[in-house]
C-alpha cells in the first residue's frame, strides 16, 4: 500500500518531468556536433599553447643552465688563474726575501756571539 501512495506519484511526476525535459532538450541535440567541434578546437588551441609554453620554458631553462655553467667555468678559471698568480708572487718574494733573511741571521749570530754569556759557568769541585 505504501508503494502505491509514495512510489507511484513519484514515478508519474518523474515521467512528466522527463517528458518535458526531452521536449526542451531534444532540439539541443542538433547542436551537439557544433559543440563537439568547438570543444575539439578549444582543446587543440589549449594543447598547442601549452606545448609552445613547454618548449619555451625548456629553451629558457637550457639557456639559464648553459649560462650558469659558463659563469661557473669562468669563475673557476679566474680562481685558478688568480691562485697561480699568487703562487708565482709568493715564490718570487720568497726568493727575494731569502738573502735578506740570511744576512739578518748572520748579523744576529755575530751580535749574539759577541755578548758575554748570561750565566757564567759553574766551577765544580773546588
C-alpha atoms as a PDB file:
ATOM      1  CA  UNK A   1       0.000   0.000   0.000  1.00  0.00           C
ATOM      2  CA  UNK A   2       2.867   2.311   0.829  1.00  0.00           C
ATOM      3  CA  UNK A   3       4.271   1.702  -2.653  1.00  0.00           C
ATOM      4  CA  UNK A   4       1.124   2.871  -4.296  1.00  0.00           C
ATOM      5  CA  UNK A   5       0.918   6.013  -2.154  1.00  0.00           C
ATOM      6  CA  UNK A   6       4.556   7.133  -2.464  1.00  0.00           C
ATOM      7  CA  UNK A   7       6.312   5.432  -5.380  1.00  0.00           C
ATOM      8  CA  UNK A   8       3.552   5.702  -7.993  1.00  0.00           C
ATOM      9  CA  UNK A   9       3.097   9.514  -7.674  1.00  0.00           C
ATOM     10  CA  UNK A  10       6.866   9.962  -7.745  1.00  0.00           C
ATOM     11  CA  UNK A  11       7.022   7.813 -10.870  1.00  0.00           C
ATOM     12  CA  UNK A  12       4.293   9.840 -12.579  1.00  0.00           C
ATOM     13  CA  UNK A  13       5.945  13.168 -11.659  1.00  0.00           C
ATOM     14  CA  UNK A  14       9.344  11.901 -12.821  1.00  0.00           C
ATOM     15  CA  UNK A  15       7.956  10.735 -16.164  1.00  0.00           C
ATOM     16  CA  UNK A  16       6.237  14.100 -16.660  1.00  0.00           C
ATOM     17  CA  UNK A  17       9.463  15.953 -15.894  1.00  0.00           C
ATOM     18  CA  UNK A  18      11.436  13.631 -18.172  1.00  0.00           C
ATOM     19  CA  UNK A  19       8.958  14.149 -20.998  1.00  0.00           C
ATOM     20  CA  UNK A  20       9.078  17.928 -20.558  1.00  0.00           C
ATOM     21  CA  UNK A  21      12.886  17.858 -20.425  1.00  0.00           C
ATOM     22  CA  UNK A  22      13.012  15.711 -23.522  1.00  0.00           C
ATOM     23  CA  UNK A  23      10.769  18.147 -25.377  1.00  0.00           C
ATOM     24  CA  UNK A  24      13.020  21.027 -24.292  1.00  0.00           C
ATOM     25  CA  UNK A  25      16.419  19.408 -24.821  1.00  0.00           C
ATOM     26  CA  UNK A  26      15.927  17.236 -27.910  1.00  0.00           C
ATOM     27  CA  UNK A  27      16.311  20.246 -30.228  1.00  0.00           C
ATOM     28  CA  UNK A  28      19.617  20.969 -28.480  1.00  0.00           C
ATOM     29  CA  UNK A  29      20.898  17.565 -29.626  1.00  0.00           C
ATOM     30  CA  UNK A  30      21.162  19.088 -33.080  1.00  0.00           C
ATOM     31  CA  UNK A  31      23.768  21.435 -31.600  1.00  0.00           C
ATOM     32  CA  UNK A  32      25.880  18.531 -30.333  1.00  0.00           C
ATOM     33  CA  UNK A  33      28.195  18.274 -33.391  1.00  0.00           C
ATOM     34  CA  UNK A  34      28.824  22.022 -33.244  1.00  0.00           C
ATOM     35  CA  UNK A  35      29.579  21.838 -29.521  1.00  0.00           C
ATOM     36  CA  UNK A  36      31.884  18.853 -30.053  1.00  0.00           C
ATOM     37  CA  UNK A  37      33.720  20.700 -32.832  1.00  0.00           C
ATOM     38  CA  UNK A  38      34.058  23.812 -30.673  1.00  0.00           C
ATOM     39  CA  UNK A  39      35.355  21.691 -27.789  1.00  0.00           C
ATOM     40  CA  UNK A  40      37.845  19.963 -30.083  1.00  0.00           C
ATOM     41  CA  UNK A  41      39.050  23.310 -31.441  1.00  0.00           C
ATOM     42  CA  UNK A  42      39.378  24.713 -27.930  1.00  0.00           C
ATOM     43  CA  UNK A  43      41.274  21.602 -26.823  1.00  0.00           C
ATOM     44  CA  UNK A  44      43.613  21.889 -29.822  1.00  0.00           C
ATOM     45  CA  UNK A  45      44.225  25.555 -29.072  1.00  0.00           C
ATOM     46  CA  UNK A  46      44.935  24.909 -25.394  1.00  0.00           C
ATOM     47  CA  UNK A  47      47.164  21.952 -26.295  1.00  0.00           C
ATOM     48  CA  UNK A  48      49.216  23.965 -28.802  1.00  0.00           C
ATOM     49  CA  UNK A  49      49.611  26.910 -26.412  1.00  0.00           C
ATOM     50  CA  UNK A  50      50.656  24.507 -23.647  1.00  0.00           C
ATOM     51  CA  UNK A  51      53.138  22.814 -25.976  1.00  0.00           C
ATOM     52  CA  UNK A  52      54.611  26.173 -27.024  1.00  0.00           C
ATOM     53  CA  UNK A  53      54.872  27.220 -23.381  1.00  0.00           C
ATOM     54  CA  UNK A  54      56.620  23.949 -22.524  1.00  0.00           C
ATOM     55  CA  UNK A  55      59.105  24.319 -25.394  1.00  0.00           C
ATOM     56  CA  UNK A  56      59.746  27.954 -24.442  1.00  0.00           C
ATOM     57  CA  UNK A  57      60.332  27.004 -20.801  1.00  0.00           C
ATOM     58  CA  UNK A  58      62.644  24.188 -21.895  1.00  0.00           C
ATOM     59  CA  UNK A  59      64.687  26.511 -24.115  1.00  0.00           C
ATOM     60  CA  UNK A  60      64.874  29.163 -21.379  1.00  0.00           C
ATOM     61  CA  UNK A  61      65.953  26.527 -18.859  1.00  0.00           C
ATOM     62  CA  UNK A  62      68.679  25.375 -21.237  1.00  0.00           C
ATOM     63  CA  UNK A  63      69.867  28.963 -21.662  1.00  0.00           C
ATOM     64  CA  UNK A  64      69.885  29.518 -17.899  1.00  0.00           C
ATOM     65  CA  UNK A  65      71.713  26.220 -17.323  1.00  0.00           C
ATOM     66  CA  UNK A  66      74.296  26.897 -20.020  1.00  0.00           C
ATOM     67  CA  UNK A  67      74.791  30.426 -18.658  1.00  0.00           C
ATOM     68  CA  UNK A  68      75.252  29.109 -15.133  1.00  0.00           C
ATOM     69  CA  UNK A  69      77.795  26.556 -16.328  1.00  0.00           C
ATOM     70  CA  UNK A  70      79.616  29.247 -18.331  1.00  0.00           C
ATOM     71  CA  UNK A  71      79.713  31.629 -15.360  1.00  0.00           C
ATOM     72  CA  UNK A  72      80.923  28.785 -13.131  1.00  0.00           C
ATOM     73  CA  UNK A  73      83.628  27.877 -15.653  1.00  0.00           C
ATOM     74  CA  UNK A  74      84.776  31.480 -15.941  1.00  0.00           C
ATOM     75  CA  UNK A  75      84.793  31.767 -12.137  1.00  0.00           C
ATOM     76  CA  UNK A  76      86.790  28.552 -11.792  1.00  0.00           C
ATOM     77  CA  UNK A  77      89.270  29.744 -14.429  1.00  0.00           C
ATOM     78  CA  UNK A  78      89.617  33.102 -12.643  1.00  0.00           C
ATOM     79  CA  UNK A  79      90.091  31.309  -9.310  1.00  0.00           C
ATOM     80  CA  UNK A  80      92.783  29.023 -10.692  1.00  0.00           C
ATOM     81  CA  UNK A  81      94.489  31.853 -12.597  1.00  0.00           C
ATOM     82  CA  UNK A  82      94.453  34.061  -9.504  1.00  0.00           C
ATOM     83  CA  UNK A  83      95.834  31.218  -7.407  1.00  0.00           C
ATOM     84  CA  UNK A  84      98.608  30.624  -9.933  1.00  0.00           C
ATOM     85  CA  UNK A  85      99.497  34.323  -9.939  1.00  0.00           C
ATOM     86  CA  UNK A  86      99.565  34.392  -6.130  1.00  0.00           C
ATOM     87  CA  UNK A  87     101.762  31.287  -6.112  1.00  0.00           C
ATOM     88  CA  UNK A  88     104.200  32.937  -8.548  1.00  0.00           C
ATOM     89  CA  UNK A  89     104.265  36.100  -6.432  1.00  0.00           C
ATOM     90  CA  UNK A  90     104.830  34.042  -3.295  1.00  0.00           C
ATOM     91  CA  UNK A  91     107.777  32.170  -4.832  1.00  0.00           C
ATOM     92  CA  UNK A  92     109.175  35.444  -6.213  1.00  0.00           C
ATOM     93  CA  UNK A  93     109.003  37.235  -2.883  1.00  0.00           C
ATOM     94  CA  UNK A  94     110.408  34.224  -1.037  1.00  0.00           C
ATOM     95  CA  UNK A  95     113.430  34.229  -3.371  1.00  0.00           C
ATOM     96  CA  UNK A  96     113.860  37.963  -2.932  1.00  0.00           C
ATOM     97  CA  UNK A  97     113.495  37.731   0.838  1.00  0.00           C
ATOM     98  CA  UNK A  98     115.826  34.761   1.344  1.00  0.00           C
ATOM     99  CA  UNK A  99     119.154  36.692   1.030  1.00  0.00           C
ATOM    100  CA  UNK A 100     117.869  39.347   3.413  1.00  0.00           C
ATOM    101  CA  UNK A 101     116.891  36.675   5.954  1.00  0.00           C
ATOM    102  CA  UNK A 102     120.305  35.027   5.645  1.00  0.00           C
ATOM    103  CA  UNK A 103     122.107  38.350   6.152  1.00  0.00           C
ATOM    104  CA  UNK A 104     119.903  39.229   9.121  1.00  0.00           C
ATOM    105  CA  UNK A 105     120.540  35.783  10.625  1.00  0.00           C
ATOM    106  CA  UNK A 106     124.324  36.112  10.265  1.00  0.00           C
ATOM    107  CA  UNK A 107     124.254  39.596  11.832  1.00  0.00           C
ATOM    108  CA  UNK A 108     122.167  38.250  14.714  1.00  0.00           C
ATOM    109  CA  UNK A 109     124.564  35.336  15.246  1.00  0.00           C
ATOM    110  CA  UNK A 110     127.610  37.666  15.221  1.00  0.00           C
ATOM    111  CA  UNK A 111     125.912  40.016  17.654  1.00  0.00           C
ATOM    112  CA  UNK A 112     124.932  37.140  19.954  1.00  0.00           C
ATOM    113  CA  UNK A 113     128.371  35.596  19.849  1.00  0.00           C
ATOM    114  CA  UNK A 114     129.964  38.899  20.892  1.00  0.00           C
ATOM    115  CA  UNK A 115     127.956  39.177  24.122  1.00  0.00           C
ATOM    116  CA  UNK A 116     129.143  37.587  27.339  1.00  0.00           C
ATOM    117  CA  UNK A 117     127.126  34.576  28.423  1.00  0.00           C
ATOM    118  CA  UNK A 118     124.190  35.313  30.659  1.00  0.00           C
ATOM    119  CA  UNK A 119     125.175  32.750  33.305  1.00  0.00           C
ATOM    120  CA  UNK A 120     128.880  32.181  33.950  1.00  0.00           C
ATOM    121  CA  UNK A 121     129.879  28.555  34.014  1.00  0.00           C
ATOM    122  CA  UNK A 122     129.744  26.858  37.421  1.00  0.00           C
ATOM    123  CA  UNK A 123     133.074  25.670  38.797  1.00  0.00           C
ATOM    124  CA  UNK A 124     132.853  22.167  40.157  1.00  0.00           C
ATOM    125  CA  UNK A 125     134.784  20.607  42.953  1.00  0.00           C
ATOM    126  CA  UNK A 126     136.817  23.389  44.171  1.00  0.00           C
END
